């Protein structure tokens, strides 16, 4: 009798997130009654019209929980940022704008910004369980270390470009980090300190002195920007 378009509700469910904890109490299946004490069969159109649109509250429901849900929604909405995949720009994200405009006349209630990103590749291949190359951040950190994973993710790509998690890059990062660590240990050792002190007693060339002064100044400038941020 009715045809329900799949994007009709899935594009404004962010509004429901604002009150889900009160209605469901953390039960993802919605079988348990949440802190609001309102069972699923009493979640009528009148309830949601009151919470989301500010229309009169249903007389058969407790005023306290309804007021709390209304406060929660008004505090969290509109959403500041919606993050999604680039393949959803011409369907899901567009429908999200249409449906927000259809439900809320006030433009102030529409999404304030949308950010899209590319897909994740592993060694230039699409990441999927069927391919056997599925890799989570937790798995990557456990296998390659957090620092090597950060290096590889930073090198993977930006924006809507497909990010490529390269095994060559992550393995190379491990080697470079180990080399860096060995150098620091050497410099902090007694022999390294003695060599540094001996080098420091030598007269620096004008070019070296300028480079050192510039580097120190740049580090101080960046540190100041970090503090102000």
N, C-alpha and C. Protein backbone atom coordinates (compact mmCIF):
# COMPACT_ATOMS: atom_id res chain seq x y z
N UNK A 1 0.82 -1.21 0.00
CA UNK A 1 0.00 0.00 0.00
C UNK A 1 0.86 1.26 0.00
N UNK A 2 1.99 1.22 0.70
CA UNK A 2 2.86 2.38 0.77
C UNK A 2 4.26 2.02 0.28
N UNK A 3 4.89 2.96 -0.39
CA UNK A 3 6.29 2.82 -0.80
C UNK A 3 7.11 3.78 0.05
N UNK A 4 8.00 3.21 0.86
CA UNK A 4 8.85 4.03 1.74
C UNK A 4 10.23 4.15 1.11
N UNK A 5 10.59 5.35 0.73
CA UNK A 5 11.90 5.60 0.13
C UNK A 5 12.96 5.50 1.21
N UNK A 6 14.02 4.75 0.91
CA UNK A 6 15.01 4.42 1.94
C UNK A 6 15.75 5.63 2.49
N UNK A 7 15.79 6.72 1.73
CA UNK A 7 16.51 7.91 2.19
C UNK A 7 15.59 8.89 2.92
N UNK A 8 14.33 8.53 3.11
CA UNK A 8 13.39 9.47 3.71
C UNK A 8 13.67 9.70 5.19
N UNK A 9 14.09 8.66 5.92
CA UNK A 9 14.34 8.84 7.35
C UNK A 9 15.82 8.78 7.68
N UNK A 10 16.60 8.09 6.87
CA UNK A 10 18.01 7.89 7.22
C UNK A 10 18.82 9.17 7.11
N UNK A 11 18.24 10.22 6.57
CA UNK A 11 18.98 11.47 6.41
C UNK A 11 18.69 12.49 7.50
N UNK A 12 17.74 12.19 8.39
CA UNK A 12 17.49 13.11 9.51
C UNK A 12 17.53 12.37 10.85
N UNK A 13 18.12 11.15 10.83
CA UNK A 13 18.17 10.41 12.09
C UNK A 13 19.11 11.06 13.11
N UNK A 14 19.93 12.01 12.65
CA UNK A 14 20.79 12.73 13.58
C UNK A 14 19.95 13.46 14.64
N UNK A 15 18.74 13.86 14.25
CA UNK A 15 17.85 14.50 15.22
C UNK A 15 17.46 13.52 16.32
N UNK A 16 17.25 12.26 15.93
CA UNK A 16 16.88 11.26 16.93
C UNK A 16 18.03 10.95 17.88
N UNK A 17 19.27 11.09 17.40
CA UNK A 17 20.42 10.85 18.28
C UNK A 17 20.35 11.71 19.54
N UNK A 18 19.77 12.89 19.42
CA UNK A 18 19.76 13.83 20.55
C UNK A 18 18.89 13.34 21.71
N UNK A 19 17.96 12.43 21.43
CA UNK A 19 17.06 11.95 22.49
C UNK A 19 17.08 10.44 22.64
N UNK A 20 17.89 9.75 21.84
CA UNK A 20 17.90 8.29 21.86
C UNK A 20 18.25 7.74 23.24
N UNK A 21 19.18 8.41 23.92
CA UNK A 21 19.61 7.90 25.24
C UNK A 21 18.47 7.98 26.27
N UNK A 22 17.53 8.90 26.06
CA UNK A 22 16.41 9.02 26.99
C UNK A 22 15.31 8.01 26.69
N UNK A 23 15.16 7.66 25.43
CA UNK A 23 14.11 6.71 25.05
C UNK A 23 14.57 5.26 25.11
N UNK A 24 15.86 5.03 24.79
CA UNK A 24 16.35 3.66 24.71
C UNK A 24 17.30 3.28 25.84
N UNK A 25 17.89 4.26 26.50
CA UNK A 25 18.78 3.96 27.62
C UNK A 25 19.98 3.14 27.25
N UNK A 26 20.50 3.29 26.03
CA UNK A 26 21.69 2.56 25.62
C UNK A 26 21.40 1.22 24.97
N UNK A 27 20.15 0.79 24.96
CA UNK A 27 19.78 -0.47 24.31
C UNK A 27 19.63 -0.22 22.82
N UNK A 28 20.57 -0.72 22.00
CA UNK A 28 20.57 -0.41 20.58
C UNK A 28 19.36 -0.99 19.86
N UNK A 29 18.76 -2.05 20.40
CA UNK A 29 17.60 -2.67 19.77
C UNK A 29 16.30 -1.96 20.12
N UNK A 30 16.33 -1.07 21.12
CA UNK A 30 15.14 -0.33 21.49
C UNK A 30 14.09 -1.14 22.22
N UNK A 31 14.49 -2.30 22.74
CA UNK A 31 13.51 -3.15 23.44
C UNK A 31 13.30 -2.70 24.89
N UNK A 32 14.32 -2.06 25.45
CA UNK A 32 14.22 -1.62 26.84
C UNK A 32 13.67 -0.19 26.90
N UNK A 33 12.95 0.12 27.96
CA UNK A 33 12.44 1.46 28.17
C UNK A 33 13.53 2.31 28.81
N UNK A 34 13.81 3.46 28.23
CA UNK A 34 14.89 4.30 28.71
C UNK A 34 14.51 5.15 29.90
N UNK A 35 15.41 6.03 30.33
CA UNK A 35 15.18 6.87 31.52
C UNK A 35 13.94 7.75 31.43
N UNK A 36 13.50 8.07 30.23
CA UNK A 36 12.30 8.90 30.09
C UNK A 36 11.03 8.16 30.51
N UNK A 37 11.12 6.82 30.54
CA UNK A 37 9.96 6.03 30.95
C UNK A 37 8.85 5.99 29.92
N UNK A 38 9.19 6.22 28.65
CA UNK A 38 8.19 6.22 27.59
C UNK A 38 8.43 5.01 26.70
N UNK A 39 7.54 4.03 26.69
CA UNK A 39 7.72 2.84 25.84
C UNK A 39 7.56 3.16 24.37
N UNK A 40 8.00 2.24 23.54
CA UNK A 40 8.02 2.47 22.09
C UNK A 40 6.63 2.73 21.53
N UNK A 41 5.60 2.06 22.07
CA UNK A 41 4.25 2.23 21.51
C UNK A 41 3.65 3.60 21.82
N UNK A 42 4.30 4.36 22.70
CA UNK A 42 3.83 5.71 22.99
C UNK A 42 4.65 6.79 22.27
N UNK A 43 5.63 6.34 21.48
CA UNK A 43 6.43 7.29 20.69
C UNK A 43 5.67 7.61 19.41
N UNK A 44 4.70 8.45 19.53
CA UNK A 44 3.80 8.80 18.44
C UNK A 44 4.30 10.01 17.66
N UNK A 45 3.59 10.30 16.57
CA UNK A 45 3.92 11.49 15.79
C UNK A 45 3.81 12.75 16.65
N UNK A 46 2.83 12.77 17.54
CA UNK A 46 2.64 13.93 18.41
C UNK A 46 3.85 14.15 19.31
N UNK A 47 4.44 13.06 19.79
CA UNK A 47 5.64 13.19 20.63
C UNK A 47 6.78 13.83 19.85
N UNK A 48 7.07 13.29 18.66
CA UNK A 48 8.19 13.80 17.87
C UNK A 48 7.90 15.21 17.34
N UNK A 49 6.63 15.51 17.03
CA UNK A 49 6.31 16.87 16.61
C UNK A 49 6.57 17.87 17.74
N UNK A 50 6.33 17.44 18.97
CA UNK A 50 6.60 18.32 20.11
C UNK A 50 8.10 18.50 20.31
N UNK A 51 8.84 17.39 20.29
CA UNK A 51 10.28 17.45 20.56
C UNK A 51 11.02 18.19 19.45
N UNK A 52 10.73 17.87 18.21
CA UNK A 52 11.49 18.40 17.09
C UNK A 52 10.95 19.72 16.53
N UNK A 53 9.63 19.94 16.66
CA UNK A 53 9.02 21.12 16.04
C UNK A 53 8.43 22.10 17.04
N UNK A 54 8.41 21.72 18.33
CA UNK A 54 7.89 22.62 19.34
C UNK A 54 6.38 22.72 19.37
N UNK A 55 5.70 21.75 18.81
CA UNK A 55 4.24 21.75 18.84
C UNK A 55 3.73 21.30 20.21
N UNK A 56 2.43 21.46 20.50
CA UNK A 56 1.91 21.10 21.83
C UNK A 56 2.27 19.67 22.23
N UNK A 57 2.56 19.51 23.52
CA UNK A 57 2.96 18.20 24.04
C UNK A 57 1.76 17.28 24.16
N UNK A 58 1.95 15.98 23.93
CA UNK A 58 0.85 15.03 24.12
C UNK A 58 0.40 15.03 25.58
N UNK A 59 -0.90 15.10 25.79
CA UNK A 59 -1.43 15.22 27.14
C UNK A 59 -1.29 13.93 27.94
N UNK A 60 -1.14 12.80 27.26
CA UNK A 60 -1.10 11.51 27.96
C UNK A 60 0.32 11.11 28.38
N UNK A 61 1.31 11.96 28.13
CA UNK A 61 2.70 11.64 28.48
C UNK A 61 3.20 12.60 29.54
N UNK A 62 4.14 12.13 30.41
CA UNK A 62 4.66 12.98 31.49
C UNK A 62 5.38 14.21 30.96
N UNK A 63 5.08 15.34 31.56
CA UNK A 63 5.63 16.62 31.08
C UNK A 63 7.13 16.72 31.31
N UNK A 64 7.63 16.17 32.43
CA UNK A 64 9.05 16.28 32.75
C UNK A 64 9.95 15.68 31.69
N UNK A 65 9.78 14.38 31.35
CA UNK A 65 10.62 13.77 30.31
C UNK A 65 10.48 14.45 28.96
N UNK A 66 9.28 14.90 28.62
CA UNK A 66 9.10 15.59 27.34
C UNK A 66 9.89 16.90 27.30
N UNK A 67 9.86 17.62 28.41
CA UNK A 67 10.61 18.88 28.48
C UNK A 67 12.11 18.62 28.39
N UNK A 68 12.56 17.53 29.02
CA UNK A 68 13.98 17.19 28.96
C UNK A 68 14.40 16.84 27.54
N UNK A 69 13.57 16.08 26.83
CA UNK A 69 13.89 15.73 25.44
C UNK A 69 13.92 16.97 24.56
N UNK A 70 12.98 17.87 24.79
CA UNK A 70 12.95 19.11 24.01
C UNK A 70 14.22 19.93 24.26
N UNK A 71 14.67 20.00 25.53
CA UNK A 71 15.90 20.73 25.86
C UNK A 71 17.11 20.08 25.18
N UNK A 72 17.17 18.75 25.23
CA UNK A 72 18.29 18.05 24.60
C UNK A 72 18.36 18.36 23.11
N UNK A 73 17.23 18.28 22.45
CA UNK A 73 17.20 18.54 21.01
C UNK A 73 17.62 19.98 20.70
N UNK A 74 17.09 20.93 21.43
CA UNK A 74 17.42 22.33 21.18
C UNK A 74 18.88 22.64 21.48
N UNK A 75 19.46 21.89 22.43
CA UNK A 75 20.88 22.12 22.75
C UNK A 75 21.79 21.62 21.62
N UNK A 76 21.50 20.41 21.10
CA UNK A 76 22.41 19.77 20.16
C UNK A 76 22.12 20.13 18.70
N UNK A 77 20.92 20.55 18.39
CA UNK A 77 20.59 20.84 17.00
C UNK A 77 20.63 22.33 16.73
N UNK A 78 21.01 22.75 15.51
CA UNK A 78 21.31 21.92 14.35
C UNK A 78 22.70 21.29 14.45
N UNK A 79 22.93 20.28 13.65
CA UNK A 79 24.24 19.62 13.69
C UNK A 79 25.27 20.54 13.04
N UNK A 80 26.44 20.58 13.65
CA UNK A 80 27.50 21.48 13.16
C UNK A 80 28.24 20.90 11.96
N UNK A 81 28.40 19.58 11.96
CA UNK A 81 29.20 18.97 10.88
C UNK A 81 28.71 17.55 10.63
N UNK A 82 28.46 17.25 9.38
CA UNK A 82 28.11 15.89 8.97
C UNK A 82 29.27 15.36 8.13
N UNK A 83 29.87 14.25 8.54
CA UNK A 83 31.01 13.66 7.84
C UNK A 83 30.55 12.39 7.14
N UNK A 84 30.88 12.28 5.86
CA UNK A 84 30.42 11.13 5.10
C UNK A 84 31.37 10.88 3.93
N UNK A 85 31.09 9.80 3.18
CA UNK A 85 31.93 9.46 2.04
C UNK A 85 31.57 10.27 0.80
N UNK A 86 32.54 10.43 -0.08
CA UNK A 86 32.33 11.26 -1.27
C UNK A 86 31.29 10.66 -2.21
N UNK A 87 31.07 9.34 -2.14
CA UNK A 87 30.11 8.70 -3.02
C UNK A 87 28.66 9.00 -2.63
N UNK A 88 28.47 9.64 -1.46
CA UNK A 88 27.12 9.95 -0.99
C UNK A 88 26.71 11.40 -1.23
N UNK A 89 27.56 12.15 -1.93
CA UNK A 89 27.25 13.56 -2.17
C UNK A 89 25.96 13.72 -2.98
N UNK A 90 25.80 12.93 -4.05
CA UNK A 90 24.66 13.13 -4.95
C UNK A 90 23.44 12.32 -4.55
N UNK A 91 23.46 11.65 -3.40
CA UNK A 91 22.27 10.94 -2.96
C UNK A 91 21.98 11.22 -1.49
N UNK A 92 22.66 10.55 -0.61
CA UNK A 92 22.35 10.65 0.82
C UNK A 92 22.47 12.08 1.34
N UNK A 93 23.57 12.74 1.04
CA UNK A 93 23.81 14.08 1.59
C UNK A 93 22.88 15.11 0.96
N UNK A 94 22.60 14.97 -0.32
CA UNK A 94 21.65 15.87 -0.97
C UNK A 94 20.25 15.68 -0.39
N UNK A 95 19.85 14.41 -0.21
CA UNK A 95 18.54 14.14 0.38
C UNK A 95 18.47 14.64 1.82
N UNK A 96 19.59 14.63 2.52
CA UNK A 96 19.61 15.15 3.89
C UNK A 96 19.22 16.62 3.91
N UNK A 97 19.74 17.39 2.96
CA UNK A 97 19.38 18.81 2.88
C UNK A 97 17.91 18.97 2.51
N UNK A 98 17.45 18.18 1.54
CA UNK A 98 16.04 18.26 1.13
C UNK A 98 15.11 17.96 2.32
N UNK A 99 15.42 16.90 3.05
CA UNK A 99 14.53 16.48 4.12
C UNK A 99 14.57 17.41 5.31
N UNK A 100 15.72 17.98 5.61
CA UNK A 100 15.77 18.99 6.66
C UNK A 100 14.92 20.20 6.28
N UNK A 101 14.99 20.58 4.99
CA UNK A 101 14.19 21.72 4.53
C UNK A 101 12.70 21.39 4.57
N UNK A 102 12.35 20.12 4.34
CA UNK A 102 10.95 19.72 4.35
C UNK A 102 10.38 19.68 5.77
N UNK A 103 11.21 19.28 6.74
CA UNK A 103 10.73 19.14 8.12
C UNK A 103 10.81 20.46 8.88
N UNK A 104 11.90 21.20 8.67
CA UNK A 104 12.09 22.46 9.41
C UNK A 104 12.08 23.62 8.43
N UNK A 105 11.10 24.49 8.58
CA UNK A 105 11.04 25.68 7.72
C UNK A 105 12.18 26.65 7.99
N UNK A 106 12.64 26.67 9.23
CA UNK A 106 13.68 27.59 9.64
C UNK A 106 15.05 27.07 9.17
N UNK A 107 15.72 27.84 8.33
CA UNK A 107 17.03 27.43 7.82
C UNK A 107 18.06 27.24 8.93
N UNK A 108 17.84 27.87 10.07
CA UNK A 108 18.77 27.73 11.18
C UNK A 108 18.83 26.31 11.71
N UNK A 109 17.84 25.48 11.37
CA UNK A 109 17.81 24.10 11.83
C UNK A 109 18.44 23.14 10.82
N UNK A 110 18.88 23.64 9.69
CA UNK A 110 19.49 22.78 8.68
C UNK A 110 20.96 22.53 9.03
N UNK A 111 21.58 21.45 8.50
CA UNK A 111 23.00 21.18 8.77
C UNK A 111 23.87 22.37 8.43
N UNK A 112 24.78 22.69 9.33
CA UNK A 112 25.62 23.88 9.13
C UNK A 112 26.78 23.62 8.18
N UNK A 113 27.26 22.38 8.15
CA UNK A 113 28.37 22.07 7.25
C UNK A 113 28.41 20.56 7.00
N UNK A 114 28.98 20.20 5.86
CA UNK A 114 29.15 18.80 5.48
C UNK A 114 30.58 18.62 4.99
N UNK A 115 31.21 17.56 5.45
CA UNK A 115 32.58 17.23 5.02
C UNK A 115 32.59 15.84 4.43
N UNK A 116 33.20 15.69 3.27
CA UNK A 116 33.30 14.36 2.67
C UNK A 116 34.76 13.96 2.52
N UNK A 117 34.98 12.67 2.53
CA UNK A 117 36.33 12.14 2.38
C UNK A 117 36.31 10.99 1.38
N UNK A 118 37.49 10.64 0.90
CA UNK A 118 37.61 9.54 -0.04
C UNK A 118 37.57 8.19 0.65
N UNK A 119 37.76 7.15 -0.14
CA UNK A 119 37.78 5.80 0.39
C UNK A 119 39.19 5.44 0.86
N UNK A 120 39.28 4.35 1.59
CA UNK A 120 40.58 3.89 2.08
C UNK A 120 41.03 2.70 1.25
N UNK A 121 42.22 2.82 0.69
CA UNK A 121 42.84 1.72 -0.04
C UNK A 121 43.98 1.14 0.80
N UNK A 122 44.25 -0.11 0.61
CA UNK A 122 45.39 -0.76 1.25
C UNK A 122 46.30 -1.28 0.15
N UNK A 123 47.46 -0.69 0.05
CA UNK A 123 48.39 -1.01 -1.05
C UNK A 123 47.70 -0.88 -2.41
N UNK A 124 46.99 0.24 -2.56
CA UNK A 124 46.31 0.61 -3.81
C UNK A 124 45.17 -0.32 -4.19
N UNK A 125 44.71 -1.14 -3.26
CA UNK A 125 43.55 -2.01 -3.48
C UNK A 125 42.44 -1.62 -2.53
N UNK A 126 41.19 -1.73 -3.00
CA UNK A 126 40.06 -1.41 -2.16
C UNK A 126 40.05 -2.28 -0.92
N UNK A 127 39.87 -1.65 0.24
CA UNK A 127 39.87 -2.40 1.49
C UNK A 127 38.50 -3.04 1.70
N UNK A 128 38.49 -4.34 1.86
CA UNK A 128 37.24 -5.05 2.12
C UNK A 128 37.56 -6.40 2.76
N UNK A 129 36.59 -6.91 3.51
CA UNK A 129 36.78 -8.21 4.15
C UNK A 129 36.89 -9.32 3.12
N UNK A 130 36.16 -9.17 2.00
CA UNK A 130 36.22 -10.21 0.97
C UNK A 130 37.59 -10.28 0.32
N UNK A 131 38.29 -9.13 0.27
CA UNK A 131 39.64 -9.11 -0.29
C UNK A 131 40.67 -9.64 0.70
N UNK A 132 40.28 -9.72 1.96
CA UNK A 132 41.22 -10.21 2.97
C UNK A 132 42.24 -9.17 3.40
N UNK A 133 42.00 -7.90 3.06
CA UNK A 133 42.97 -6.85 3.41
C UNK A 133 42.35 -5.80 4.33
N UNK A 134 41.31 -6.20 5.07
CA UNK A 134 40.64 -5.26 5.97
C UNK A 134 41.56 -4.94 7.14
N UNK A 135 41.75 -3.65 7.40
CA UNK A 135 42.69 -3.21 8.43
C UNK A 135 42.08 -2.06 9.21
N UNK A 136 41.90 -2.23 10.50
CA UNK A 136 41.40 -1.15 11.35
C UNK A 136 42.57 -0.37 11.94
N UNK A 137 42.29 0.82 12.47
CA UNK A 137 43.34 1.61 13.10
C UNK A 137 43.93 0.87 14.30
N UNK A 138 43.07 0.18 15.04
CA UNK A 138 43.55 -0.58 16.20
C UNK A 138 44.52 -1.68 15.75
N UNK A 139 44.15 -2.39 14.68
CA UNK A 139 45.02 -3.44 14.16
C UNK A 139 46.34 -2.86 13.66
N UNK A 140 46.25 -1.73 12.96
CA UNK A 140 47.47 -1.11 12.41
C UNK A 140 48.41 -0.67 13.52
N UNK A 141 47.85 -0.07 14.58
CA UNK A 141 48.69 0.38 15.70
C UNK A 141 49.33 -0.80 16.42
N UNK A 142 48.57 -1.89 16.56
CA UNK A 142 49.11 -3.07 17.24
C UNK A 142 50.21 -3.72 16.41
N UNK A 143 50.07 -3.70 15.10
CA UNK A 143 51.04 -4.39 14.23
C UNK A 143 52.24 -3.52 13.90
N UNK A 144 52.02 -2.22 13.67
CA UNK A 144 53.09 -1.36 13.18
C UNK A 144 53.52 -0.29 14.17
N UNK A 145 52.81 -0.11 15.26
CA UNK A 145 53.01 0.94 16.26
C UNK A 145 52.18 2.16 15.88
N UNK A 146 51.83 2.94 16.88
CA UNK A 146 50.99 4.12 16.65
C UNK A 146 51.73 5.17 15.82
N UNK A 147 53.02 5.36 16.10
CA UNK A 147 53.78 6.39 15.39
C UNK A 147 53.92 6.07 13.91
N UNK A 148 54.26 4.83 13.59
CA UNK A 148 54.39 4.45 12.17
C UNK A 148 53.05 4.55 11.47
N UNK A 149 51.96 4.22 12.16
CA UNK A 149 50.64 4.34 11.58
C UNK A 149 50.30 5.80 11.30
N UNK A 150 50.66 6.69 12.23
CA UNK A 150 50.42 8.13 12.01
C UNK A 150 51.18 8.62 10.78
N UNK A 151 52.44 8.23 10.66
CA UNK A 151 53.24 8.65 9.50
C UNK A 151 52.56 8.21 8.20
N UNK A 152 52.10 6.96 8.18
CA UNK A 152 51.52 6.40 6.96
C UNK A 152 50.19 7.05 6.64
N UNK A 153 49.36 7.30 7.64
CA UNK A 153 48.08 7.97 7.41
C UNK A 153 48.29 9.39 6.92
N UNK A 154 49.29 10.08 7.47
CA UNK A 154 49.58 11.45 7.03
C UNK A 154 50.03 11.49 5.59
N UNK A 155 50.68 10.42 5.13
CA UNK A 155 51.18 10.34 3.77
C UNK A 155 50.16 9.76 2.80
N UNK A 156 49.01 9.29 3.33
CA UNK A 156 48.07 8.52 2.52
C UNK A 156 47.27 9.35 1.53
N UNK A 157 46.98 10.60 1.85
CA UNK A 157 46.17 11.43 0.95
C UNK A 157 45.23 12.32 1.74
N UNK A 158 44.73 13.35 1.09
CA UNK A 158 43.87 14.34 1.75
C UNK A 158 42.56 14.52 1.01
N UNK A 159 41.60 15.10 1.73
CA UNK A 159 40.34 15.50 1.12
C UNK A 159 39.58 14.34 0.50
N UNK A 160 39.10 14.54 -0.72
CA UNK A 160 38.31 13.52 -1.41
C UNK A 160 39.17 12.52 -2.17
N UNK A 161 40.49 12.67 -2.09
CA UNK A 161 41.35 11.66 -2.70
C UNK A 161 41.25 10.36 -1.91
N UNK A 162 41.31 9.25 -2.60
CA UNK A 162 41.31 7.96 -1.91
C UNK A 162 42.62 7.81 -1.15
N UNK A 163 42.52 7.57 0.14
CA UNK A 163 43.71 7.44 0.98
C UNK A 163 44.29 6.04 0.80
N UNK A 164 45.58 5.97 0.52
CA UNK A 164 46.24 4.68 0.31
C UNK A 164 47.18 4.36 1.46
N UNK A 165 46.81 3.36 2.25
CA UNK A 165 47.67 2.91 3.34
C UNK A 165 48.70 1.95 2.75
N UNK A 166 49.92 2.45 2.59
CA UNK A 166 50.97 1.70 1.90
C UNK A 166 51.82 0.92 2.89
N UNK A 167 51.96 -0.39 2.66
CA UNK A 167 52.81 -1.21 3.52
C UNK A 167 54.27 -0.81 3.38
N UNK A 168 54.66 -0.37 2.18
CA UNK A 168 56.03 0.08 1.99
C UNK A 168 56.31 1.31 2.85
N UNK A 169 55.34 2.23 2.89
CA UNK A 169 55.51 3.45 3.69
C UNK A 169 55.55 3.14 5.17
N UNK A 170 54.67 2.27 5.65
CA UNK A 170 54.62 1.99 7.08
C UNK A 170 55.87 1.24 7.53
N UNK A 171 56.37 0.32 6.70
CA UNK A 171 57.61 -0.38 7.07
C UNK A 171 58.81 0.55 7.02
N UNK A 172 58.82 1.44 6.03
CA UNK A 172 59.91 2.43 5.96
C UNK A 172 59.87 3.37 7.16
N UNK A 173 58.65 3.71 7.61
CA UNK A 173 58.51 4.59 8.77
C UNK A 173 59.09 3.94 10.02
N UNK A 174 58.86 2.65 10.16
CA UNK A 174 59.41 1.94 11.33
C UNK A 174 60.93 2.01 11.33
N UNK A 175 61.54 1.78 10.17
CA UNK A 175 63.00 1.82 10.08
C UNK A 175 63.53 3.22 10.39
N UNK A 176 62.85 4.25 9.87
CA UNK A 176 63.30 5.62 10.11
C UNK A 176 63.13 6.00 11.58
N UNK A 177 62.05 5.54 12.20
CA UNK A 177 61.83 5.84 13.62
C UNK A 177 62.88 5.14 14.49
N UNK A 178 63.19 3.90 14.15
CA UNK A 178 64.23 3.18 14.91
C UNK A 178 65.58 3.86 14.76
N UNK A 179 65.88 4.30 13.54
CA UNK A 179 67.14 5.01 13.30
C UNK A 179 67.19 6.31 14.10
N UNK A 180 66.06 7.02 14.12
CA UNK A 180 65.97 8.27 14.89
C UNK A 180 66.15 8.01 16.38
N UNK A 181 65.53 6.94 16.86
CA UNK A 181 65.64 6.59 18.27
C UNK A 181 67.08 6.23 18.63
N UNK A 182 67.74 5.47 17.77
CA UNK A 182 69.14 5.11 18.02
C UNK A 182 70.03 6.36 18.06
N UNK A 183 69.75 7.31 17.16
CA UNK A 183 70.54 8.55 17.13
C UNK A 183 70.35 9.34 18.43
N UNK A 184 69.10 9.43 18.89
CA UNK A 184 68.83 10.17 20.13
C UNK A 184 69.50 9.51 21.33
N UNK A 185 69.47 8.18 21.36
CA UNK A 185 70.14 7.48 22.46
C UNK A 185 71.63 7.73 22.43
N UNK A 186 72.18 7.78 21.22
CA UNK A 186 73.61 8.04 21.09
C UNK A 186 73.95 9.45 21.54
N UNK A 187 73.12 10.42 21.15
CA UNK A 187 73.38 11.82 21.52
C UNK A 187 73.24 12.04 23.02
N UNK A 188 72.35 11.30 23.66
CA UNK A 188 72.11 11.46 25.09
C UNK A 188 73.10 10.66 25.95
N UNK A 189 73.86 9.81 25.30
CA UNK A 189 74.86 9.04 26.05
C UNK A 189 76.02 9.95 26.45
N UNK A 190 76.86 9.48 27.32
CA UNK A 190 78.00 10.29 27.79
C UNK A 190 78.95 10.62 26.65
N UNK A 191 79.16 9.64 25.73
CA UNK A 191 80.04 9.90 24.59
C UNK A 191 79.44 10.96 23.68
N UNK A 192 78.12 10.89 23.48
CA UNK A 192 77.47 11.86 22.62
C UNK A 192 77.52 13.26 23.19
N UNK A 193 77.31 13.38 24.51
CA UNK A 193 77.38 14.69 25.14
C UNK A 193 78.77 15.28 25.04
N UNK A 194 79.79 14.43 25.22
CA UNK A 194 81.17 14.92 25.13
C UNK A 194 81.48 15.42 23.73
N UNK A 195 81.01 14.68 22.72
CA UNK A 195 81.26 15.09 21.34
C UNK A 195 80.54 16.40 21.03
N UNK A 196 79.30 16.55 21.54
CA UNK A 196 78.55 17.78 21.31
C UNK A 196 79.22 18.97 21.97
N UNK A 197 79.74 18.78 23.19
CA UNK A 197 80.42 19.87 23.89
C UNK A 197 81.69 20.26 23.17
N UNK A 198 82.39 19.25 22.66
CA UNK A 198 83.62 19.55 21.91
C UNK A 198 83.32 20.32 20.64
N UNK A 199 82.24 19.93 19.96
CA UNK A 199 81.86 20.63 18.73
C UNK A 199 81.41 22.05 19.05
N UNK A 200 80.78 22.23 20.20
CA UNK A 200 80.28 23.54 20.57
C UNK A 200 81.39 24.53 20.88
N UNK A 201 82.55 24.00 21.28
CA UNK A 201 83.66 24.90 21.58
C UNK A 201 84.31 25.45 20.33
N UNK A 202 84.02 24.82 19.19
CA UNK A 202 84.59 25.31 17.94
C UNK A 202 83.83 26.53 17.47
N UNK A 203 84.52 27.37 16.70
CA UNK A 203 83.88 28.58 16.17
C UNK A 203 82.94 28.22 15.04
N UNK A 204 81.70 28.67 15.12
CA UNK A 204 80.71 28.40 14.08
C UNK A 204 80.88 29.40 12.94
N UNK A 205 80.66 28.94 11.73
CA UNK A 205 80.74 29.83 10.58
C UNK A 205 79.53 30.76 10.58
N UNK A 206 79.63 31.92 9.91
CA UNK A 206 78.48 32.84 9.87
C UNK A 206 77.21 32.18 9.33
N UNK A 207 77.39 31.32 8.32
CA UNK A 207 76.23 30.65 7.75
C UNK A 207 75.57 29.73 8.76
N UNK A 208 76.38 28.97 9.49
CA UNK A 208 75.85 28.04 10.50
C UNK A 208 75.18 28.82 11.63
N UNK A 209 75.83 29.90 12.07
CA UNK A 209 75.27 30.70 13.16
C UNK A 209 73.91 31.27 12.75
N UNK A 210 73.78 31.74 11.51
CA UNK A 210 72.52 32.30 11.05
C UNK A 210 71.44 31.21 10.99
N UNK A 211 71.79 30.02 10.46
CA UNK A 211 70.82 28.93 10.35
C UNK A 211 70.32 28.50 11.72
N UNK A 212 71.23 28.44 12.70
CA UNK A 212 70.83 28.06 14.05
C UNK A 212 69.91 29.11 14.65
N UNK A 213 70.24 30.38 14.46
CA UNK A 213 69.41 31.45 15.01
C UNK A 213 68.03 31.46 14.35
N UNK A 214 68.01 31.24 13.02
CA UNK A 214 66.72 31.21 12.31
C UNK A 214 65.87 30.05 12.81
N UNK A 215 66.49 28.89 12.98
CA UNK A 215 65.75 27.71 13.42
C UNK A 215 65.17 27.92 14.82
N UNK A 216 65.99 28.48 15.72
CA UNK A 216 65.52 28.73 17.08
C UNK A 216 64.36 29.73 17.08
N UNK A 217 64.49 30.77 16.26
CA UNK A 217 63.43 31.77 16.17
C UNK A 217 62.14 31.16 15.63
N UNK A 218 62.24 30.31 14.61
CA UNK A 218 61.06 29.68 14.02
C UNK A 218 60.37 28.76 15.03
N UNK A 219 61.13 28.01 15.80
CA UNK A 219 60.55 27.12 16.80
C UNK A 219 59.83 27.92 17.88
N UNK A 220 60.40 29.05 18.29
CA UNK A 220 59.76 29.90 19.28
C UNK A 220 58.47 30.51 18.72
N UNK A 221 58.51 30.89 17.45
CA UNK A 221 57.32 31.46 16.82
C UNK A 221 56.18 30.44 16.77
N UNK A 222 56.50 29.23 16.38
CA UNK A 222 55.50 28.18 16.29
C UNK A 222 54.96 27.82 17.68
N UNK A 223 55.85 27.80 18.67
CA UNK A 223 55.40 27.52 20.03
C UNK A 223 54.43 28.59 20.52
N UNK A 224 54.71 29.84 20.16
CA UNK A 224 53.82 30.93 20.53
C UNK A 224 52.46 30.80 19.87
N UNK A 225 52.42 30.37 18.60
CA UNK A 225 51.15 30.17 17.91
C UNK A 225 50.34 29.05 18.56
N UNK A 226 51.05 28.00 18.99
CA UNK A 226 50.36 26.89 19.66
C UNK A 226 49.72 27.35 20.96
N UNK A 227 50.43 28.17 21.71
CA UNK A 227 49.88 28.67 22.98
C UNK A 227 48.66 29.55 22.75
N UNK A 228 48.73 30.41 21.71
CA UNK A 228 47.60 31.29 21.42
C UNK A 228 46.39 30.52 20.92
N UNK A 229 46.63 29.39 20.25
CA UNK A 229 45.53 28.58 19.74
C UNK A 229 44.81 27.86 20.86
